Protein backbone atom coordinates (compact mmCIF):
# COMPACT_ATOMS: atom_id res chain seq x y z
CA MET A 1 81.38 94.98 70.17
CA VAL A 2 80.34 94.63 73.81
CA HIS A 3 81.41 90.98 74.01
CA THR A 4 84.70 91.69 72.23
CA SER A 5 85.44 94.51 74.69
CA ALA A 6 84.61 92.24 77.61
CA ALA A 7 86.82 89.44 76.24
CA ASP A 8 89.73 91.82 75.72
CA ALA A 9 89.28 93.17 79.26
CA ILE A 10 89.20 89.67 80.75
CA ILE A 11 92.38 88.67 78.90
CA ALA A 12 94.26 91.83 79.88
CA GLY A 13 92.91 91.81 83.43
CA PHE A 14 93.86 88.21 84.14
CA ASN A 15 97.30 88.81 82.63
CA ALA A 16 97.65 91.65 85.15
CA LYS A 17 96.36 89.49 88.02
CA TYR A 18 99.05 86.89 87.38
CA PHE A 19 101.70 89.57 86.85
CA PHE A 20 101.05 91.25 90.24
CA ARG A 21 100.04 88.05 92.09
CA SER A 22 98.45 89.92 95.00
CA TRP A 23 97.48 87.68 97.91
CA ARG A 24 93.85 87.05 98.70
CA PRO A 25 92.81 87.15 102.36
CA ARG A 26 92.41 83.33 102.42
CA THR A 27 96.17 83.10 101.84
CA ALA A 28 97.42 86.27 103.52
CA ILE A 29 95.72 85.95 106.91
CA PRO A 30 96.96 82.45 107.83
CA LEU A 31 100.44 83.24 106.45
CA ALA A 32 100.76 86.77 107.85
CA ASP A 33 103.97 85.87 109.69
CA THR A 34 105.69 85.24 106.34
CA ASP A 35 105.06 88.68 104.79
CA GLY A 36 108.21 90.29 106.18
CA ASN A 37 106.26 92.69 108.43
CA PRO A 38 106.82 92.03 112.15
CA ASN A 39 103.57 93.88 113.00
CA THR A 40 101.31 91.27 111.37
CA ALA A 41 100.32 88.05 113.08
CA PRO A 42 98.68 85.02 111.49
CA ASP A 43 95.19 83.85 112.37
CA LEU A 44 95.13 80.13 111.69
CA THR A 45 91.45 79.82 112.64
CA TRP A 46 90.19 82.35 110.07
CA THR A 47 88.22 80.95 107.14
CA PRO A 48 86.84 82.85 104.15
CA LEU A 49 83.17 82.92 103.24
CA LEU A 50 84.09 82.44 99.59
CA SER A 51 87.15 80.85 98.07
CA VAL A 52 88.20 82.18 94.66
CA ASN A 53 91.10 80.58 92.87
CA HIS A 54 92.83 83.58 91.26
CA PRO A 55 94.86 86.55 92.57
CA GLU A 56 93.14 89.52 94.22
CA TYR A 57 94.41 92.51 92.21
CA PRO A 58 93.21 94.03 89.92
CA SER A 59 89.47 93.62 90.40
CA ALA A 60 87.87 91.41 87.75
CA HIS A 61 84.50 93.09 88.30
CA ALA A 62 86.05 96.50 87.71
CA PHE A 63 87.85 95.77 84.45
CA TRP A 64 85.01 93.68 83.03
CA THR A 65 82.25 96.17 83.92
CA SER A 66 84.29 99.14 82.72
CA ALA A 67 84.79 97.52 79.32
CA LEU A 68 81.10 96.68 78.98
CA THR A 69 79.80 100.10 79.99
CA GLU A 70 82.33 101.95 77.84
CA ALA A 71 81.41 99.87 74.77
CA ILE A 72 77.70 100.45 75.36
CA ALA A 73 78.22 104.18 75.93
CA ARG A 74 80.22 104.52 72.72
CA TYR A 75 77.64 102.59 70.71
CA PHE A 76 74.62 104.52 71.96
CA GLY A 77 76.41 107.83 72.50
CA HIS A 78 77.14 109.43 75.81
CA GLN A 79 74.91 112.12 77.23
CA ALA A 80 76.57 113.90 80.15
CA SER A 81 74.57 114.22 83.34
CA SER A 82 74.97 116.68 86.19
CA VAL A 83 77.12 114.16 88.10
CA ASP A 84 79.29 113.25 85.11
CA ASN A 85 82.64 114.97 84.73
CA ARG A 86 83.34 113.74 81.19
CA ASP A 87 82.78 115.99 78.19
């Protein structure tokens, strides 16, 4: 159940990533003069620490982790804590 939830989240999440096609900083910073906003300037010397080859939004970690934790919580049952707002 956990792996199926994660797989479904990955499929849906990456469909959303390629639907929205949000720029990553490695693309946006050097091409800032092409974004239609006169207040942004490119920095051609900037280099990223990590280069990932898929769009920025939505966060893969967020949709994958949410699916995993929700599946685990539903399997084992959810016990509300003092910081939890869910019923």
